[in-house]
Amino acid sequence: MMKDTAVKFGVNVKVEKAIDHAEIAKFGIASEPGIVTDGKIVHTDRRRKTPSRRG
């Protein structure tokens, strides 16, 4: 879905699915989904009470 949206707006992106829980935990994300852009967390699933780290 993210890649389709980026293409719609003419943005070239590289989308990777992280499955290594240790790598995911380095960002402080305790549950999925989470979106990291340029090393910054831009979204986490708030329904699971995972804190957002926007900013």
PDB file of N, CA and C in Angstrom:
ATOM      1  N   MET A   1       0.816  -1.184   0.000  1.00  0.00           N
ATOM      2  CA  MET A   1       0.000   0.000   0.000  1.00  0.00           C
ATOM      3  C   MET A   1       0.868   1.260   0.000  1.00  0.00           C
ATOM      4  N   MET A   2       1.927   1.277   0.768  1.00  0.00           N
ATOM      5  CA  MET A   2       2.779   2.467   0.822  1.00  0.00           C
ATOM      6  C   MET A   2       3.450   2.734  -0.518  1.00  0.00           C
ATOM      7  N   LYS A   3       3.943   1.683  -1.154  1.00  0.00           N
ATOM      8  CA  LYS A   3       4.624   1.869  -2.431  1.00  0.00           C
ATOM      9  C   LYS A   3       3.639   2.366  -3.484  1.00  0.00           C
ATOM     10  N   ASP A   4       2.426   1.820  -3.496  1.00  0.00           N
ATOM     11  CA  ASP A   4       1.408   2.269  -4.447  1.00  0.00           C
ATOM     12  C   ASP A   4       1.088   3.751  -4.257  1.00  0.00           C
ATOM     13  N   THR A   5       0.988   4.177  -3.031  1.00  0.00           N
ATOM     14  CA  THR A   5       0.691   5.585  -2.744  1.00  0.00           C
ATOM     15  C   THR A   5       1.842   6.481  -3.194  1.00  0.00           C
ATOM     16  N   ALA A   6       3.071   6.045  -2.931  1.00  0.00           N
ATOM     17  CA  ALA A   6       4.229   6.835  -3.349  1.00  0.00           C
ATOM     18  C   ALA A   6       4.265   6.979  -4.867  1.00  0.00           C
ATOM     19  N   VAL A   7       4.013   5.898  -5.575  1.00  0.00           N
ATOM     20  CA  VAL A   7       4.001   5.938  -7.043  1.00  0.00           C
ATOM     21  C   VAL A   7       2.915   6.889  -7.532  1.00  0.00           C
ATOM     22  N   LYS A   8       1.766   6.849  -6.879  1.00  0.00           N
ATOM     23  CA  LYS A   8       0.654   7.733  -7.249  1.00  0.00           C
ATOM     24  C   LYS A   8       1.075   9.204  -7.198  1.00  0.00           C
ATOM     25  N   PHE A   9       1.929   9.541  -6.220  1.00  0.00           N
ATOM     26  CA  PHE A   9       2.380  10.921  -6.066  1.00  0.00           C
ATOM     27  C   PHE A   9       3.725  11.187  -6.747  1.00  0.00           C
ATOM     28  N   GLY A  10       4.215  10.214  -7.502  1.00  0.00           N
ATOM     29  CA  GLY A  10       5.444  10.402  -8.252  1.00  0.00           C
ATOM     30  C   GLY A  10       6.707  10.353  -7.414  1.00  0.00           C
ATOM     31  N   VAL A  11       6.661   9.671  -6.283  1.00  0.00           N
ATOM     32  CA  VAL A  11       7.813   9.577  -5.386  1.00  0.00           C
ATOM     33  C   VAL A  11       8.452   8.194  -5.534  1.00  0.00           C
ATOM     34  N   ASN A  12       9.749   8.163  -5.752  1.00  0.00           N
ATOM     35  CA  ASN A  12      10.478   6.909  -5.862  1.00  0.00           C
ATOM     36  C   ASN A  12      10.895   6.464  -4.459  1.00  0.00           C
ATOM     37  N   VAL A  13      10.458   5.281  -4.052  1.00  0.00           N
ATOM     38  CA  VAL A  13      10.772   4.789  -2.712  1.00  0.00           C
ATOM     39  C   VAL A  13      11.276   3.357  -2.774  1.00  0.00           C
ATOM     40  N   LYS A  14      11.991   2.982  -1.734  1.00  0.00           N
ATOM     41  CA  LYS A  14      12.397   1.598  -1.533  1.00  0.00           C
ATOM     42  C   LYS A  14      11.671   1.122  -0.280  1.00  0.00           C
ATOM     43  N   VAL A  15      10.853   0.107  -0.420  1.00  0.00           N
ATOM     44  CA  VAL A  15      10.069  -0.406   0.700  1.00  0.00           C
ATOM     45  C   VAL A  15      10.612  -1.782   1.071  1.00  0.00           C
ATOM     46  N   GLU A  16      10.919  -1.954   2.353  1.00  0.00           N
ATOM     47  CA  GLU A  16      11.417  -3.231   2.853  1.00  0.00           C
ATOM     48  C   GLU A  16      10.557  -3.695   4.004  1.00  0.00           C
ATOM     49  N   LYS A  17      10.298  -4.980   4.049  1.00  0.00           N
ATOM     50  CA  LYS A  17       9.572  -5.560   5.172  1.00  0.00           C
ATOM     51  C   LYS A  17      10.598  -6.138   6.139  1.00  0.00           C
ATOM     52  N   ALA A  18      10.595  -5.623   7.357  1.00  0.00           N
ATOM     53  CA  ALA A  18      11.523  -6.113   8.382  1.00  0.00           C
ATOM     54  C   ALA A  18      10.867  -7.274   9.121  1.00  0.00           C
ATOM     55  N   ILE A  19      11.579  -8.381   9.218  1.00  0.00           N
ATOM     56  CA  ILE A  19      11.042  -9.532   9.942  1.00  0.00           C
ATOM     57  C   ILE A  19      11.930  -9.930  11.121  1.00  0.00           C
ATOM     58  N   ASP A  20      13.091  -9.297  11.226  1.00  0.00           N
ATOM     59  CA  ASP A  20      14.022  -9.570  12.319  1.00  0.00           C
ATOM     60  C   ASP A  20      13.572  -8.773  13.547  1.00  0.00           C
ATOM     61  N   HIS A  21      13.060  -9.470  14.549  1.00  0.00           N
ATOM     62  CA  HIS A  21      12.516  -8.791  15.727  1.00  0.00           C
ATOM     63  C   HIS A  21      13.566  -7.974  16.476  1.00  0.00           C
ATOM     64  N   ALA A  22      14.805  -8.410  16.459  1.00  0.00           N
ATOM     65  CA  ALA A  22      15.870  -7.644  17.121  1.00  0.00           C
ATOM     66  C   ALA A  22      16.085  -6.320  16.401  1.00  0.00           C
ATOM     67  N   GLU A  23      16.044  -6.343  15.068  1.00  0.00           N
ATOM     68  CA  GLU A  23      16.219  -5.114  14.285  1.00  0.00           C
ATOM     69  C   GLU A  23      15.044  -4.161  14.528  1.00  0.00           C
ATOM     70  N   ILE A  24      13.835  -4.697  14.575  1.00  0.00           N
ATOM     71  CA  ILE A  24      12.646  -3.886  14.835  1.00  0.00           C
ATOM     72  C   ILE A  24      12.723  -3.262  16.226  1.00  0.00           C
ATOM     73  N   ALA A  25      13.165  -4.040  17.201  1.00  0.00           N
ATOM     74  CA  ALA A  25      13.249  -3.560  18.582  1.00  0.00           C
ATOM     75  C   ALA A  25      14.249  -2.415  18.735  1.00  0.00           C
ATOM     76  N   LYS A  26      15.249  -2.334  17.870  1.00  0.00           N
ATOM     77  CA  LYS A  26      16.224  -1.239  17.938  1.00  0.00           C
ATOM     78  C   LYS A  26      15.555   0.118  17.782  1.00  0.00           C
ATOM     79  N   PHE A  27      14.391   0.145  17.123  1.00  0.00           N
ATOM     80  CA  PHE A  27      13.651   1.388  16.938  1.00  0.00           C
ATOM     81  C   PHE A  27      12.662   1.631  18.070  1.00  0.00           C
ATOM     82  N   GLY A  28      12.588   0.704  19.019  1.00  0.00           N
ATOM     83  CA  GLY A  28      11.655   0.863  20.134  1.00  0.00           C
ATOM     84  C   GLY A  28      10.228   0.483  19.774  1.00  0.00           C
ATOM     85  N   ILE A  29      10.064  -0.225  18.685  1.00  0.00           N
ATOM     86  CA  ILE A  29       8.737  -0.660  18.276  1.00  0.00           C
ATOM     87  C   ILE A  29       8.486  -2.026  18.890  1.00  0.00           C
ATOM     88  N   ALA A  30       7.436  -2.098  19.722  1.00  0.00           N
ATOM     89  CA  ALA A  30       7.154  -3.332  20.441  1.00  0.00           C
ATOM     90  C   ALA A  30       6.203  -4.245  19.682  1.00  0.00           C
ATOM     91  N   SER A  31       5.431  -3.692  18.769  1.00  0.00           N
ATOM     92  CA  SER A  31       4.508  -4.516  17.997  1.00  0.00           C
ATOM     93  C   SER A  31       4.370  -3.934  16.596  1.00  0.00           C
ATOM     94  N   GLU A  32       3.866  -4.739  15.702  1.00  0.00           N
ATOM     95  CA  GLU A  32       3.722  -4.330  14.308  1.00  0.00           C
ATOM     96  C   GLU A  32       2.327  -3.777  14.071  1.00  0.00           C
ATOM     97  N   PRO A  33       2.061  -2.990  13.085  1.00  0.00           N
ATOM     98  CA  PRO A  33       3.031  -2.464  12.135  1.00  0.00           C
ATOM     99  C   PRO A  33       3.708  -1.208  12.649  1.00  0.00           C
ATOM    100  N   GLY A  34       4.829  -0.921  12.109  1.00  0.00           N
ATOM    101  CA  GLY A  34       5.538   0.321  12.367  1.00  0.00           C
ATOM    102  C   GLY A  34       6.184   0.774  11.079  1.00  0.00           C
ATOM    103  N   ILE A  35       6.257   2.066  10.865  1.00  0.00           N
ATOM    104  CA  ILE A  35       6.855   2.590   9.647  1.00  0.00           C
ATOM    105  C   ILE A  35       8.021   3.498  10.038  1.00  0.00           C
ATOM    106  N   VAL A  36       9.183   3.213   9.465  1.00  0.00           N
ATOM    107  CA  VAL A  36      10.393   3.992   9.721  1.00  0.00           C
ATOM    108  C   VAL A  36      10.830   4.609   8.403  1.00  0.00           C
ATOM    109  N   THR A  37      11.053   5.918   8.418  1.00  0.00           N
ATOM    110  CA  THR A  37      11.507   6.633   7.231  1.00  0.00           C
ATOM    111  C   THR A  37      12.788   7.371   7.576  1.00  0.00           C
ATOM    112  N   ASP A  38      13.832   7.114   6.823  1.00  0.00           N
ATOM    113  CA  ASP A  38      15.134   7.751   7.058  1.00  0.00           C
ATOM    114  C   ASP A  38      15.582   7.627   8.507  1.00  0.00           C
ATOM    115  N   GLY A  39      15.351   6.457   9.107  1.00  0.00           N
ATOM    116  CA  GLY A  39      15.799   6.190  10.467  1.00  0.00           C
ATOM    117  C   GLY A  39      14.914   6.748  11.563  1.00  0.00           C
ATOM    118  N   LYS A  40      13.765   7.351  11.223  1.00  0.00           N
ATOM    119  CA  LYS A  40      12.849   7.906  12.220  1.00  0.00           C
ATOM    120  C   LYS A  40      11.516   7.175  12.159  1.00  0.00           C
ATOM    121  N   ILE A  41      10.963   6.856  13.317  1.00  0.00           N
ATOM    122  CA  ILE A  41       9.650   6.227  13.368  1.00  0.00           C
ATOM    123  C   ILE A  41       8.610   7.276  12.983  1.00  0.00           C
ATOM    124  N   VAL A  42       7.809   6.965  11.970  1.00  0.00           N
ATOM    125  CA  VAL A  42       6.773   7.896  11.540  1.00  0.00           C
ATOM    126  C   VAL A  42       5.376   7.368  11.817  1.00  0.00           C
ATOM    127  N   HIS A  43       5.263   6.076  12.158  1.00  0.00           N
ATOM    128  CA  HIS A  43       3.955   5.520  12.485  1.00  0.00           C
ATOM    129  C   HIS A  43       4.116   4.221  13.254  1.00  0.00           C
ATOM    130  N   THR A  44       3.272   4.034  14.248  1.00  0.00           N
ATOM    131  CA  THR A  44       3.131   2.744  14.921  1.00  0.00           C
ATOM    132  C   THR A  44       1.643   2.490  15.084  1.00  0.00           C
ATOM    133  N   ASP A  45       1.271   1.245  15.314  1.00  0.00           N
ATOM    134  CA  ASP A  45      -0.138   0.887  15.476  1.00  0.00           C
ATOM    135  C   ASP A  45      -0.595   1.296  16.868  1.00  0.00           C
ATOM    136  N   ARG A  46      -1.267   2.416  16.956  1.00  0.00           N
ATOM    137  CA  ARG A  46      -1.694   2.959  18.260  1.00  0.00           C
ATOM    138  C   ARG A  46      -2.726   2.087  18.943  1.00  0.00           C
ATOM    139  N   ARG A  47      -3.467   1.284  18.170  1.00  0.00           N
ATOM    140  CA  ARG A  47      -4.472   0.408  18.782  1.00  0.00           C
ATOM    141  C   ARG A  47      -3.827  -0.589  19.721  1.00  0.00           C
ATOM    142  N   ARG A  48      -2.573  -0.874  19.512  1.00  0.00           N
ATOM    143  CA  ARG A  48      -1.861  -1.827  20.373  1.00  0.00           C
ATOM    144  C   ARG A  48      -1.120  -1.103  21.498  1.00  0.00           C
ATOM    145  N   LYS A  49      -1.390   0.179  21.651  1.00  0.00           N
ATOM    146  CA  LYS A  49      -0.810   1.009  22.710  1.00  0.00           C
ATOM    147  C   LYS A  49       0.708   1.117  22.596  1.00  0.00           C
ATOM    148  N   THR A  50       1.225   1.058  21.379  1.00  0.00           N
ATOM    149  CA  THR A  50       2.643   1.287  21.137  1.00  0.00           C
ATOM    150  C   THR A  50       2.850   2.781  21.018  1.00  0.00           C
ATOM    151  N   PRO A  51       3.731   3.372  21.803  1.00  0.00           N
ATOM    152  CA  PRO A  51       3.902   4.821  21.752  1.00  0.00           C
ATOM    153  C   PRO A  51       4.409   5.299  20.398  1.00  0.00           C
ATOM    154  N   SER A  52       3.888   6.433  19.964  1.00  0.00           N
ATOM    155  CA  SER A  52       4.356   7.051  18.736  1.00  0.00           C
ATOM    156  C   SER A  52       5.626   7.825  19.038  1.00  0.00           C
ATOM    157  N   ARG A  53       6.560   7.822  18.101  1.00  0.00           N
ATOM    158  CA  ARG A  53       7.805   8.569  18.275  1.00  0.00           C
ATOM    159  C   ARG A  53       7.950   9.595  17.178  1.00  0.00           C
ATOM    160  N   ARG A  54       6.874  10.237  16.837  1.00  0.00           N
ATOM    161  CA  ARG A  54       6.933  11.252  15.786  1.00  0.00           C
ATOM    162  C   ARG A  54       7.773  12.425  16.252  1.00  0.00           C
ATOM    163  N   GLY A  55       8.389  13.073  15.270  1.00  0.00           N
ATOM    164  CA  GLY A  55       9.056  14.314  15.606  1.00  0.00           C
ATOM    165  C   GLY A  55      10.477  14.274  15.432  1.00  0.00           C
TER     166      GLY A  55
END
